[in-house]
Amino acid sequence: MKYARSAAILVSAVFAASTVSVAAQTWSPQKNVEIVVPNPPGGSNDKTARSLERILITNKLLPVSLSIQNKSGGGGSIAYTYVQQRNADPHYLVVAGPAILTNHIVGSSTLRHSDLTAVASLFDDYTVFAVAANSNLKTGKDLIERLRKDPKSVTIGFSPLLGSHNHIAAGVLMKTIGGNARDLKVVAFKGSSDAVTTLLGGHIDLVTTAAGNVAPHVAAGRMRVLGITSAKRFPGAFAEVPTWKEQGADFTFGAWRSIFAPKGLTPQQLAYWEGVLRKSTEAAEWKEELEKNIWSDVFTASAQFTKDLEQDYASMKAVLVDLGLAK
């Protein structure tokens, strides 16, 4: 019986794979494909789009032209709404991070993630806590001590809005060390590059952002990273940076980067984009992007990603309630 069941599963799996392959082949883009970025140039979402663009073009994975549109504003809501309004048109894609969840949770947008089609999550992008090179905060333990003593003495910058995942990361740290997340002194910026520029100008004390956004400044000696939200240390230039768990704050927090499309895609159209994105993330050039930007290689296809989004929504809402930004 066990063998018969295994054989049946194998046949079923082969049939399913063949079906998806045939389905994907029955549709392909017929006009220019537009990838929309919900932030200004320079941040993680923009880097994701530019990396995809290079790989799609270099490897000739699309039969049509491709363009990128940066539509920043509203913490990403302008871009998400723009794509939502292209109902059933598979020629529009948008890069998305957790802001597509948090915007709705805090009430800055009525658009839910379920108002779009979750095509795939491409990778995980962990948050770093970084300071200027001349900061008197030398380690993560220094930051913890300062936050416990006087949380208002540390001005923390991030993007794109209050309640964004980079704000949540700071809130989780505060909660983990026994503090009140609402006591944090925070400033939201339109883009991560704006937050970093303000930090380097001496106007704020700390930024919470993606590792790739500070990597060039760390390499040039202009910034230092106090702690990372991943479960283990990053490789390369960040190898000496301890995790928060190593410094007495036992938590992890990753932000996925993903691709959404309008609602109303046919199964064939969704299968096509899943296939193209998977091929992109298997390219040698993509592996180079992962290493350069300190991205974690986790590809999650539509069905599972859609389930994960519901869990993430609930988890993030709990933290945002603690921050006083949701009910």
C-alpha atoms as a PDB file:
ATOM      1  CA  MET A   1       0.000   0.000   0.000  1.00  0.00           C
ATOM      2  CA  LYS A   2       2.820   2.387   0.882  1.00  0.00           C
ATOM      3  CA  TYR A   3       4.445   1.817  -2.526  1.00  0.00           C
ATOM      4  CA  ALA A   4       1.132   2.294  -4.364  1.00  0.00           C
ATOM      5  CA  ARG A   5       0.495   5.572  -2.497  1.00  0.00           C
ATOM      6  CA  SER A   6       4.015   6.813  -3.287  1.00  0.00           C
ATOM      7  CA  ALA A   7       3.588   5.921  -6.930  1.00  0.00           C
ATOM      8  CA  ALA A   8       0.273   7.726  -7.056  1.00  0.00           C
ATOM      9  CA  ILE A   9       1.821  10.790  -5.485  1.00  0.00           C
ATOM     10  CA  LEU A  10       4.682  10.679  -7.998  1.00  0.00           C
ATOM     11  CA  VAL A  11       2.310  10.426 -10.955  1.00  0.00           C
ATOM     12  CA  SER A  12       0.190  13.225  -9.524  1.00  0.00           C
ATOM     13  CA  ALA A  13       3.231  15.434  -9.019  1.00  0.00           C
ATOM     14  CA  VAL A  14       4.479  14.819 -12.560  1.00  0.00           C
ATOM     15  CA  PHE A  15       1.038  15.576 -13.964  1.00  0.00           C
ATOM     16  CA  ALA A  16       0.762  18.761 -11.878  1.00  0.00           C
ATOM     17  CA  ALA A  17       4.189  19.941 -13.005  1.00  0.00           C
ATOM     18  CA  SER A  18       3.308  19.219 -16.622  1.00  0.00           C
ATOM     19  CA  THR A  19       0.035  21.083 -16.240  1.00  0.00           C
ATOM     20  CA  VAL A  20       1.752  24.158 -14.832  1.00  0.00           C
ATOM     21  CA  SER A  21       4.366  24.014 -17.578  1.00  0.00           C
ATOM     22  CA  VAL A  22       1.719  23.793 -20.313  1.00  0.00           C
ATOM     23  CA  ALA A  23      -0.347  26.515 -18.661  1.00  0.00           C
ATOM     24  CA  ALA A  24       2.622  28.835 -18.462  1.00  0.00           C
ATOM     25  CA  GLN A  25       3.295  28.295 -22.157  1.00  0.00           C
ATOM     26  CA  THR A  26      -0.218  29.319 -23.183  1.00  0.00           C
ATOM     27  CA  TRP A  27       0.330  32.949 -22.214  1.00  0.00           C
ATOM     28  CA  SER A  28       3.192  35.397 -22.460  1.00  0.00           C
ATOM     29  CA  PRO A  29       3.337  39.222 -22.324  1.00  0.00           C
ATOM     30  CA  GLN A  30       2.074  40.987 -25.436  1.00  0.00           C
ATOM     31  CA  LYS A  31       3.250  44.524 -24.638  1.00  0.00           C
ATOM     32  CA  ASN A  32       5.721  46.400 -22.452  1.00  0.00           C
ATOM     33  CA  VAL A  33       5.892  45.113 -18.884  1.00  0.00           C
ATOM     34  CA  GLU A  34       5.980  47.777 -16.198  1.00  0.00           C
ATOM     35  CA  ILE A  35       7.592  47.110 -12.831  1.00  0.00           C
ATOM     36  CA  VAL A  36       6.449  49.696 -10.323  1.00  0.00           C
ATOM     37  CA  VAL A  37       8.586  50.645  -7.320  1.00  0.00           C
ATOM     38  CA  PRO A  38       6.813  52.182  -4.287  1.00  0.00           C
ATOM     39  CA  ASN A  39       9.873  54.171  -3.191  1.00  0.00           C
ATOM     40  CA  PRO A  40      12.427  56.634  -4.586  1.00  0.00           C
ATOM     41  CA  PRO A  41      15.581  55.276  -6.252  1.00  0.00           C
ATOM     42  CA  GLY A  42      18.214  53.832  -3.969  1.00  0.00           C
ATOM     43  CA  GLY A  43      16.281  51.762  -1.437  1.00  0.00           C
ATOM     44  CA  SER A  44      15.795  48.000  -1.188  1.00  0.00           C
ATOM     45  CA  ASN A  45      12.616  47.889  -3.285  1.00  0.00           C
ATOM     46  CA  ASP A  46      14.296  49.896  -6.033  1.00  0.00           C
ATOM     47  CA  LYS A  47      17.387  47.676  -5.927  1.00  0.00           C
ATOM     48  CA  THR A  48      15.129  44.643  -6.233  1.00  0.00           C
ATOM     49  CA  ALA A  49      13.476  46.044  -9.356  1.00  0.00           C
ATOM     50  CA  ARG A  50      16.779  47.097 -10.967  1.00  0.00           C
ATOM     51  CA  SER A  51      18.319  43.699 -10.263  1.00  0.00           C
ATOM     52  CA  LEU A  52      15.348  41.923 -11.811  1.00  0.00           C
ATOM     53  CA  GLU A  53      15.453  44.226 -14.817  1.00  0.00           C
ATOM     54  CA  ARG A  54      19.106  43.429 -15.519  1.00  0.00           C
ATOM     55  CA  ILE A  55      18.578  39.693 -15.182  1.00  0.00           C
ATOM     56  CA  LEU A  56      15.401  39.572 -17.249  1.00  0.00           C
ATOM     57  CA  ILE A  57      17.040  41.528 -20.067  1.00  0.00           C
ATOM     58  CA  THR A  58      20.457  39.837 -19.948  1.00  0.00           C
ATOM     59  CA  ASN A  59      18.976  36.349 -19.932  1.00  0.00           C
ATOM     60  CA  LYS A  60      16.221  37.212 -22.429  1.00  0.00           C
ATOM     61  CA  LEU A  61      13.510  35.910 -20.132  1.00  0.00           C
ATOM     62  CA  LEU A  62      10.847  38.236 -21.532  1.00  0.00           C
ATOM     63  CA  PRO A  63       9.625  38.457 -25.143  1.00  0.00           C
ATOM     64  CA  VAL A  64       8.752  42.153 -24.749  1.00  0.00           C
ATOM     65  CA  SER A  65      10.298  45.367 -23.444  1.00  0.00           C
ATOM     66  CA  LEU A  66      10.491  46.224 -19.753  1.00  0.00           C
ATOM     67  CA  SER A  67      10.369  49.528 -17.888  1.00  0.00           C
ATOM     68  CA  ILE A  68      10.585  50.605 -14.258  1.00  0.00           C
ATOM     69  CA  GLN A  69       8.460  53.342 -12.727  1.00  0.00           C
ATOM     70  CA  ASN A  70       9.212  54.830  -9.304  1.00  0.00           C
ATOM     71  CA  LYS A  71       5.919  55.964  -7.779  1.00  0.00           C
ATOM     72  CA  SER A  72       6.757  56.954  -4.221  1.00  0.00           C
ATOM     73  CA  GLY A  73       4.406  58.432  -1.671  1.00  0.00           C
ATOM     74  CA  GLY A  74       1.943  57.302   0.951  1.00  0.00           C
ATOM     75  CA  GLY A  75       4.384  54.724   2.253  1.00  0.00           C
ATOM     76  CA  GLY A  76       3.955  52.779  -0.980  1.00  0.00           C
ATOM     77  CA  SER A  77       0.189  53.147  -1.241  1.00  0.00           C
ATOM     78  CA  ILE A  78       0.388  55.251  -4.410  1.00  0.00           C
ATOM     79  CA  ALA A  79       2.259  52.485  -6.229  1.00  0.00           C
ATOM     80  CA  TYR A  80       0.073  49.694  -4.885  1.00  0.00           C
ATOM     81  CA  THR A  81      -3.111  51.546  -5.824  1.00  0.00           C
ATOM     82  CA  TYR A  82      -1.729  52.308  -9.280  1.00  0.00           C
ATOM     83  CA  VAL A  83      -1.246  48.593  -9.942  1.00  0.00           C
ATOM     84  CA  GLN A  84      -4.550  47.651  -8.320  1.00  0.00           C
ATOM     85  CA  GLN A  85      -6.314  49.911 -10.807  1.00  0.00           C
ATOM     86  CA  ARG A  86      -4.853  47.835 -13.687  1.00  0.00           C
ATOM     87  CA  ASN A  87      -7.273  45.031 -12.843  1.00  0.00           C
ATOM     88  CA  ALA A  88      -6.619  41.755 -14.699  1.00  0.00           C
ATOM     89  CA  ASP A  89      -3.731  43.270 -16.692  1.00  0.00           C
ATOM     90  CA  PRO A  90      -0.695  40.975 -16.220  1.00  0.00           C
ATOM     91  CA  HIS A  91       1.675  43.537 -17.760  1.00  0.00           C
ATOM     92  CA  TYR A  92       1.932  45.441 -14.450  1.00  0.00           C
ATOM     93  CA  LEU A  93       3.967  44.259 -11.479  1.00  0.00           C
ATOM     94  CA  VAL A  94       4.886  46.007  -8.247  1.00  0.00           C
ATOM     95  CA  VAL A  95       7.746  45.362  -5.849  1.00  0.00           C
ATOM     96  CA  ALA A  96       6.444  45.141  -2.291  1.00  0.00           C
ATOM     97  CA  GLY A  97       7.742  44.767   1.229  1.00  0.00           C
ATOM     98  CA  PRO A  98       5.866  44.578   4.533  1.00  0.00           C
ATOM     99  CA  ALA A  99       4.535  48.121   4.032  1.00  0.00           C
ATOM    100  CA  ILE A 100       1.772  46.588   1.955  1.00  0.00           C
ATOM    101  CA  LEU A 101       0.575  45.032   5.240  1.00  0.00           C
ATOM    102  CA  THR A 102       1.443  47.756   7.729  1.00  0.00           C
ATOM    103  CA  ASN A 103      -0.165  50.568   5.714  1.00  0.00           C
ATOM    104  CA  HIS A 104      -3.524  48.892   6.112  1.00  0.00           C
ATOM    105  CA  ILE A 105      -2.949  47.952   9.758  1.00  0.00           C
ATOM    106  CA  VAL A 106      -2.203  51.554  10.806  1.00  0.00           C
ATOM    107  CA  GLY A 107      -4.983  52.959   8.621  1.00  0.00           C
ATOM    108  CA  SER A 108      -2.821  54.958   6.217  1.00  0.00           C
ATOM    109  CA  SER A 109      -4.323  52.972   3.319  1.00  0.00           C
ATOM    110  CA  THR A 110      -7.582  51.143   2.723  1.00  0.00           C
ATOM    111  CA  LEU A 111      -5.846  48.800   0.293  1.00  0.00           C
ATOM    112  CA  ARG A 112      -5.200  45.315   1.634  1.00  0.00           C
ATOM    113  CA  HIS A 113      -2.579  42.913   0.334  1.00  0.00           C
ATOM    114  CA  SER A 114      -5.459  40.702  -0.807  1.00  0.00           C
ATOM    115  CA  ASP A 115      -6.558  43.460  -3.214  1.00  0.00           C
ATOM    116  CA  LEU A 116      -3.576  42.427  -5.347  1.00  0.00           C
ATOM    117  CA  THR A 117      -2.204  39.081  -6.499  1.00  0.00           C
ATOM    118  CA  ALA A 118       0.785  37.874  -4.479  1.00  0.00           C
ATOM    119  CA  VAL A 119       3.003  36.364  -7.193  1.00  0.00           C
ATOM    120  CA  ALA A 120       6.101  35.394  -5.208  1.00  0.00           C
ATOM    121  CA  SER A 121       8.418  36.408  -2.396  1.00  0.00           C
ATOM    122  CA  LEU A 122      11.955  36.672  -3.754  1.00  0.00           C
ATOM    123  CA  PHE A 123      14.171  36.908  -0.662  1.00  0.00           C
ATOM    124  CA  ASP A 124      14.350  38.002   2.972  1.00  0.00           C
ATOM    125  CA  ASP A 125      15.950  41.337   3.831  1.00  0.00           C
ATOM    126  CA  TYR A 126      16.957  41.691   7.472  1.00  0.00           C
ATOM    127  CA  THR A 127      17.077  44.999   9.307  1.00  0.00           C
ATOM    128  CA  VAL A 128      20.304  46.459  10.670  1.00  0.00           C
ATOM    129  CA  PHE A 129      20.717  49.102  13.376  1.00  0.00           C
ATOM    130  CA  ALA A 130      23.413  51.479  12.162  1.00  0.00           C
ATOM    131  CA  VAL A 131      25.118  54.621  13.450  1.00  0.00           C
ATOM    132  CA  ALA A 132      27.642  57.106  12.119  1.00  0.00           C
ATOM    133  CA  ALA A 133      31.274  56.069  12.535  1.00  0.00           C
ATOM    134  CA  ASN A 134      31.879  58.767  15.158  1.00  0.00           C
ATOM    135  CA  SER A 135      28.869  57.797  17.308  1.00  0.00           C
ATOM    136  CA  ASN A 136      29.473  57.180  21.003  1.00  0.00           C
ATOM    137  CA  LEU A 137      27.252  54.116  20.658  1.00  0.00           C
ATOM    138  CA  LYS A 138      29.906  51.481  19.986  1.00  0.00           C
ATOM    139  CA  THR A 139      27.957  48.250  20.376  1.00  0.00           C
ATOM    140  CA  GLY A 140      24.434  46.931  20.490  1.00  0.00           C
ATOM    141  CA  LYS A 141      24.784  46.569  24.252  1.00  0.00           C
ATOM    142  CA  ASP A 142      25.517  50.313  24.443  1.00  0.00           C
ATOM    143  CA  LEU A 143      22.280  50.981  22.584  1.00  0.00           C
ATOM    144  CA  ILE A 144      20.305  48.646  24.848  1.00  0.00           C
ATOM    145  CA  GLU A 145      21.686  50.376  27.938  1.00  0.00           C
ATOM    146  CA  ARG A 146      20.839  53.822  26.549  1.00  0.00           C
ATOM    147  CA  LEU A 147      17.310  52.793  25.560  1.00  0.00           C
ATOM    148  CA  ARG A 148      16.653  51.323  28.990  1.00  0.00           C
ATOM    149  CA  LYS A 149      17.936  54.445  30.732  1.00  0.00           C
ATOM    150  CA  ASP A 150      16.497  57.146  28.473  1.00  0.00           C
ATOM    151  CA  PRO A 151      14.836  56.028  25.219  1.00  0.00           C
ATOM    152  CA  LYS A 152      14.202  59.639  24.184  1.00  0.00           C
ATOM    153  CA  SER A 153      17.965  60.241  24.054  1.00  0.00           C
ATOM    154  CA  VAL A 154      18.258  58.198  20.838  1.00  0.00           C
ATOM    155  CA  THR A 155      16.609  59.594  17.701  1.00  0.00           C
ATOM    156  CA  ILE A 156      15.885  56.724  15.319  1.00  0.00           C
ATOM    157  CA  GLY A 157      15.284  57.261  11.602  1.00  0.00           C
ATOM    158  CA  PHE A 158      13.733  54.877   9.093  1.00  0.00           C
ATOM    159  CA  SER A 159      11.453  54.791   6.063  1.00  0.00           C
ATOM    160  CA  PRO A 160       8.849  55.037   4.732  1.00  0.00           C
ATOM    161  CA  LEU A 161       6.243  55.672   7.476  1.00  0.00           C
ATOM    162  CA  LEU A 162       5.530  55.340  11.150  1.00  0.00           C
ATOM    163  CA  GLY A 163       4.520  51.729  11.546  1.00  0.00           C
ATOM    164  CA  SER A 164       6.718  50.443   8.723  1.00  0.00           C
ATOM    165  CA  HIS A 165       8.731  47.263   9.231  1.00  0.00           C
ATOM    166  CA  ASN A 166      11.861  49.248  10.139  1.00  0.00           C
ATOM    167  CA  HIS A 167       9.845  50.974  12.869  1.00  0.00           C
ATOM    168  CA  ILE A 168       8.545  47.590  13.980  1.00  0.00           C
ATOM    169  CA  ALA A 169      12.132  46.282  14.246  1.00  0.00           C
ATOM    170  CA  ALA A 170      12.994  49.094  16.673  1.00  0.00           C
ATOM    171  CA  GLY A 171       9.776  48.461  18.593  1.00  0.00           C
ATOM    172  CA  VAL A 172      10.492  44.749  18.921  1.00  0.00           C
ATOM    173  CA  LEU A 173      13.980  45.499  20.282  1.00  0.00           C
ATOM    174  CA  MET A 174      12.516  47.894  22.846  1.00  0.00           C
ATOM    175  CA  LYS A 175       9.886  45.369  23.906  1.00  0.00           C
ATOM    176  CA  THR A 176      12.448  42.547  24.084  1.00  0.00           C
ATOM    177  CA  ILE A 177      14.654  44.492  26.509  1.00  0.00           C
ATOM    178  CA  GLY A 178      11.688  45.203  28.766  1.00  0.00           C
ATOM    179  CA  GLY A 179      10.926  48.746  27.638  1.00  0.00           C
ATOM    180  CA  ASN A 180       7.827  50.407  26.253  1.00  0.00           C
ATOM    181  CA  ALA A 181       7.902  50.619  22.458  1.00  0.00           C
ATOM    182  CA  ARG A 182       5.853  53.815  22.615  1.00  0.00           C
ATOM    183  CA  ASP A 183       8.717  55.599  24.380  1.00  0.00           C
ATOM    184  CA  LEU A 184      10.975  55.486  21.317  1.00  0.00           C
ATOM    185  CA  LYS A 185      11.909  58.775  19.661  1.00  0.00           C
ATOM    186  CA  VAL A 186      11.460  58.127  15.944  1.00  0.00           C
ATOM    187  CA  VAL A 187      11.498  60.036  12.653  1.00  0.00           C
ATOM    188  CA  ALA A 188      10.056  58.645   9.409  1.00  0.00           C
ATOM    189  CA  PHE A 189      11.668  59.511   6.072  1.00  0.00           C
ATOM    190  CA  LYS A 190      10.402  59.138   2.524  1.00  0.00           C
ATOM    191  CA  GLY A 191      13.269  56.817   1.602  1.00  0.00           C
ATOM    192  CA  SER A 192      16.110  54.988   3.349  1.00  0.00           C
ATOM    193  CA  SER A 193      18.697  57.092   1.537  1.00  0.00           C
ATOM    194  CA  ASP A 194      17.166  60.209   3.139  1.00  0.00           C
ATOM    195  CA  ALA A 195      17.451  58.643   6.586  1.00  0.00           C
ATOM    196  CA  VAL A 196      21.085  57.685   5.995  1.00  0.00           C
ATOM    197  CA  THR A 197      21.964  61.154   4.694  1.00  0.00           C
ATOM    198  CA  THR A 198      20.379  62.733   7.773  1.00  0.00           C
ATOM    199  CA  LEU A 199      22.321  60.366  10.025  1.00  0.00           C
ATOM    200  CA  LEU A 200      25.617  61.204   8.346  1.00  0.00           C
ATOM    201  CA  GLY A 201      24.775  64.883   8.755  1.00  0.00           C
ATOM    202  CA  GLY A 202      24.555  64.388  12.518  1.00  0.00           C
ATOM    203  CA  HIS A 203      20.835  65.140  12.822  1.00  0.00           C
ATOM    204  CA  ILE A 204      19.706  61.723  14.081  1.00  0.00           C
ATOM    205  CA  ASP A 205      21.498  59.039  16.106  1.00  0.00           C
ATOM    206  CA  LEU A 206      20.514  55.752  14.512  1.00  0.00           C
ATOM    207  CA  VAL A 207      18.904  54.262  11.422  1.00  0.00           C
ATOM    208  CA  THR A 208      17.053  50.979  11.080  1.00  0.00           C
ATOM    209  CA  THR A 209      17.195  49.840   7.479  1.00  0.00           C
ATOM    210  CA  ALA A 210      18.216  47.023   5.150  1.00  0.00           C
ATOM    211  CA  ALA A 211      21.847  45.950   5.310  1.00  0.00           C
ATOM    212  CA  GLY A 212      22.411  46.720   1.634  1.00  0.00           C
ATOM    213  CA  ASN A 213      21.432  50.355   2.178  1.00  0.00           C
ATOM    214  CA  VAL A 214      24.350  50.975   4.532  1.00  0.00           C
ATOM    215  CA  ALA A 215      26.912  48.525   3.122  1.00  0.00           C
ATOM    216  CA  PRO A 216      28.754  51.132   0.966  1.00  0.00           C
ATOM    217  CA  HIS A 217      28.978  53.534   3.918  1.00  0.00           C
ATOM    218  CA  VAL A 218      30.234  50.786   6.218  1.00  0.00           C
ATOM    219  CA  ALA A 219      32.865  49.807   3.652  1.00  0.00           C
ATOM    220  CA  ALA A 220      33.963  53.459   3.355  1.00  0.00           C
ATOM    221  CA  GLY A 221      34.251  53.815   7.121  1.00  0.00           C
ATOM    222  CA  ARG A 222      31.416  56.325   7.446  1.00  0.00           C
ATOM    223  CA  MET A 223      29.009  54.079   9.357  1.00  0.00           C
ATOM    224  CA  ARG A 224      28.999  51.178  11.797  1.00  0.00           C
ATOM    225  CA  VAL A 225      26.370  48.497  12.394  1.00  0.00           C
ATOM    226  CA  LEU A 226      25.506  47.753  16.026  1.00  0.00           C
ATOM    227  CA  GLY A 227      23.284  44.732  15.528  1.00  0.00           C
ATOM    228  CA  ILE A 228      21.325  42.688  12.996  1.00  0.00           C
ATOM    229  CA  THR A 229      17.880  41.111  13.271  1.00  0.00           C
ATOM    230  CA  SER A 230      18.740  37.790  11.628  1.00  0.00           C
ATOM    231  CA  ALA A 231      19.190  34.501  13.501  1.00  0.00           C
ATOM    232  CA  LYS A 232      22.828  34.227  12.454  1.00  0.00           C
ATOM    233  CA  ARG A 233      25.573  36.609  11.410  1.00  0.00           C
ATOM    234  CA  PHE A 234      25.845  37.921   7.889  1.00  0.00           C
ATOM    235  CA  PRO A 235      28.825  36.907   5.742  1.00  0.00           C
ATOM    236  CA  GLY A 236      31.503  39.144   4.259  1.00  0.00           C
ATOM    237  CA  ALA A 237      31.842  42.741   5.436  1.00  0.00           C
ATOM    238  CA  PHE A 238      29.235  42.207   8.179  1.00  0.00           C
ATOM    239  CA  ALA A 239      30.784  39.026   9.575  1.00  0.00           C
ATOM    240  CA  GLU A 240      31.966  40.781  12.741  1.00  0.00           C
ATOM    241  CA  VAL A 241      28.553  42.287  13.503  1.00  0.00           C
ATOM    242  CA  PRO A 242      26.753  40.262  16.200  1.00  0.00           C
ATOM    243  CA  THR A 243      23.092  39.376  16.101  1.00  0.00           C
ATOM    244  CA  TRP A 244      20.793  40.900  18.707  1.00  0.00           C
ATOM    245  CA  LYS A 245      20.485  37.497  20.352  1.00  0.00           C
ATOM    246  CA  GLU A 246      24.232  37.484  20.928  1.00  0.00           C
ATOM    247  CA  GLN A 247      23.876  40.846  22.686  1.00  0.00           C
ATOM    248  CA  GLY A 248      21.107  39.922  25.083  1.00  0.00           C
ATOM    249  CA  ALA A 249      18.010  40.698  23.009  1.00  0.00           C
ATOM    250  CA  ASP A 250      16.584  37.410  21.766  1.00  0.00           C
ATOM    251  CA  PHE A 251      14.563  38.264  18.661  1.00  0.00           C
ATOM    252  CA  THR A 252      14.726  37.989  14.880  1.00  0.00           C
ATOM    253  CA  PHE A 253      12.886  40.056  12.318  1.00  0.00           C
ATOM    254  CA  GLY A 254      13.108  39.751   8.539  1.00  0.00           C
ATOM    255  CA  ALA A 255      11.405  41.720   5.799  1.00  0.00           C
ATOM    256  CA  TRP A 256      10.561  39.894   2.593  1.00  0.00           C
ATOM    257  CA  ARG A 257      10.796  41.544  -0.825  1.00  0.00           C
ATOM    258  CA  SER A 258       8.173  40.340  -3.227  1.00  0.00           C
ATOM    259  CA  ILE A 259       6.289  40.842  -6.467  1.00  0.00           C
ATOM    260  CA  PHE A 260       2.553  41.531  -6.646  1.00  0.00           C
ATOM    261  CA  ALA A 261       0.321  41.900  -9.708  1.00  0.00           C
ATOM    262  CA  PRO A 262      -3.238  43.146 -10.176  1.00  0.00           C
ATOM    263  CA  LYS A 263      -6.181  40.996  -9.179  1.00  0.00           C
ATOM    264  CA  GLY A 264      -7.858  38.995 -11.887  1.00  0.00           C
ATOM    265  CA  LEU A 265      -4.866  37.175 -13.364  1.00  0.00           C
ATOM    266  CA  THR A 266      -5.676  33.866 -14.991  1.00  0.00           C
ATOM    267  CA  PRO A 267      -3.947  30.715 -13.701  1.00  0.00           C
ATOM    268  CA  GLN A 268      -1.853  30.731 -16.874  1.00  0.00           C
ATOM    269  CA  GLN A 269      -0.692  34.294 -16.335  1.00  0.00           C
ATOM    270  CA  LEU A 270       0.174  33.663 -12.685  1.00  0.00           C
ATOM    271  CA  ALA A 271       2.047  30.488 -13.628  1.00  0.00           C
ATOM    272  CA  TYR A 272       3.988  32.434 -16.254  1.00  0.00           C
ATOM    273  CA  TRP A 273       5.186  35.077 -13.786  1.00  0.00           C
ATOM    274  CA  GLU A 274       5.986  32.511 -11.103  1.00  0.00           C
ATOM    275  CA  GLY A 275       8.115  30.660 -13.627  1.00  0.00           C
ATOM    276  CA  VAL A 276       9.922  33.755 -14.885  1.00  0.00           C
ATOM    277  CA  LEU A 277      10.657  34.981 -11.372  1.00  0.00           C
ATOM    278  CA  ARG A 278      11.911  31.585 -10.285  1.00  0.00           C
ATOM    279  CA  LYS A 279      14.249  31.459 -13.290  1.00  0.00           C
ATOM    280  CA  SER A 280      15.472  34.944 -12.442  1.00  0.00           C
ATOM    281  CA  THR A 281      16.337  33.946  -8.885  1.00  0.00           C
ATOM    282  CA  GLU A 282      18.211  30.901 -10.159  1.00  0.00           C
ATOM    283  CA  ALA A 283      20.471  32.995 -12.413  1.00  0.00           C
ATOM    284  CA  ALA A 284      24.121  33.452 -11.494  1.00  0.00           C
ATOM    285  CA  GLU A 285      23.645  37.225 -11.588  1.00  0.00           C
ATOM    286  CA  TRP A 286      20.930  36.973  -8.944  1.00  0.00           C
ATOM    287  CA  LYS A 287      23.262  35.087  -6.623  1.00  0.00           C
ATOM    288  CA  GLU A 288      25.708  37.978  -7.013  1.00  0.00           C
ATOM    289  CA  GLU A 289      22.958  40.449  -6.088  1.00  0.00           C
ATOM    290  CA  LEU A 290      22.099  38.410  -2.997  1.00  0.00           C
ATOM    291  CA  GLU A 291      25.695  38.514  -1.844  1.00  0.00           C
ATOM    292  CA  LYS A 292      26.232  42.195  -2.654  1.00  0.00           C
ATOM    293  CA  ASN A 293      23.061  43.372  -0.903  1.00  0.00           C
ATOM    294  CA  ILE A 294      23.183  40.871   1.976  1.00  0.00           C
ATOM    295  CA  TRP A 295      19.842  39.363   0.960  1.00  0.00           C
ATOM    296  CA  SER A 296      18.817  35.902   2.206  1.00  0.00           C
ATOM    297  CA  ASP A 297      17.953  33.440  -0.546  1.00  0.00           C
ATOM    298  CA  VAL A 298      14.342  32.426   0.145  1.00  0.00           C
ATOM    299  CA  PHE A 299      12.017  32.077  -2.856  1.00  0.00           C
ATOM    300  CA  THR A 300       8.372  31.433  -1.978  1.00  0.00           C
ATOM    301  CA  ALA A 301       5.785  30.833  -4.693  1.00  0.00           C
ATOM    302  CA  SER A 302       2.298  32.332  -4.738  1.00  0.00           C
ATOM    303  CA  ALA A 303       0.239  29.744  -2.847  1.00  0.00           C
ATOM    304  CA  GLN A 304       2.520  29.517   0.176  1.00  0.00           C
ATOM    305  CA  PHE A 305       3.372  33.213   0.149  1.00  0.00           C
ATOM    306  CA  THR A 306      -0.320  34.097   0.234  1.00  0.00           C
ATOM    307  CA  LYS A 307      -0.740  31.971   3.372  1.00  0.00           C
ATOM    308  CA  ASP A 308       2.378  33.502   4.959  1.00  0.00           C
ATOM    309  CA  LEU A 309       0.998  36.995   4.409  1.00  0.00           C
ATOM    310  CA  GLU A 310      -1.991  36.323   6.657  1.00  0.00           C
ATOM    311  CA  GLN A 311       0.293  35.170   9.468  1.00  0.00           C
ATOM    312  CA  ASP A 312       2.612  38.161   9.001  1.00  0.00           C
ATOM    313  CA  TYR A 313      -0.357  40.526   9.054  1.00  0.00           C
ATOM    314  CA  ALA A 314      -1.442  39.203  12.453  1.00  0.00           C
ATOM    315  CA  SER A 315       2.100  39.291  13.890  1.00  0.00           C
ATOM    316  CA  MET A 316       2.793  42.835  12.711  1.00  0.00           C
ATOM    317  CA  LYS A 317      -0.545  44.065  13.958  1.00  0.00           C
ATOM    318  CA  ALA A 318       0.321  42.833  17.454  1.00  0.00           C
ATOM    319  CA  VAL A 319       3.539  44.902  17.483  1.00  0.00           C
ATOM    320  CA  LEU A 320       1.820  47.955  16.045  1.00  0.00           C
ATOM    321  CA  VAL A 321      -0.756  47.789  18.805  1.00  0.00           C
ATOM    322  CA  ASP A 322       2.150  47.903  21.269  1.00  0.00           C
ATOM    323  CA  LEU A 323       3.518  50.946  19.438  1.00  0.00           C
ATOM    324  CA  GLY A 324       0.156  52.658  19.799  1.00  0.00           C
ATOM    325  CA  LEU A 325      -0.352  52.786  16.045  1.00  0.00           C
ATOM    326  CA  ALA A 326      -3.123  50.212  15.700  1.00  0.00           C
ATOM    327  CA  LYS A 327      -6.117  48.978  17.661  1.00  0.00           C
END
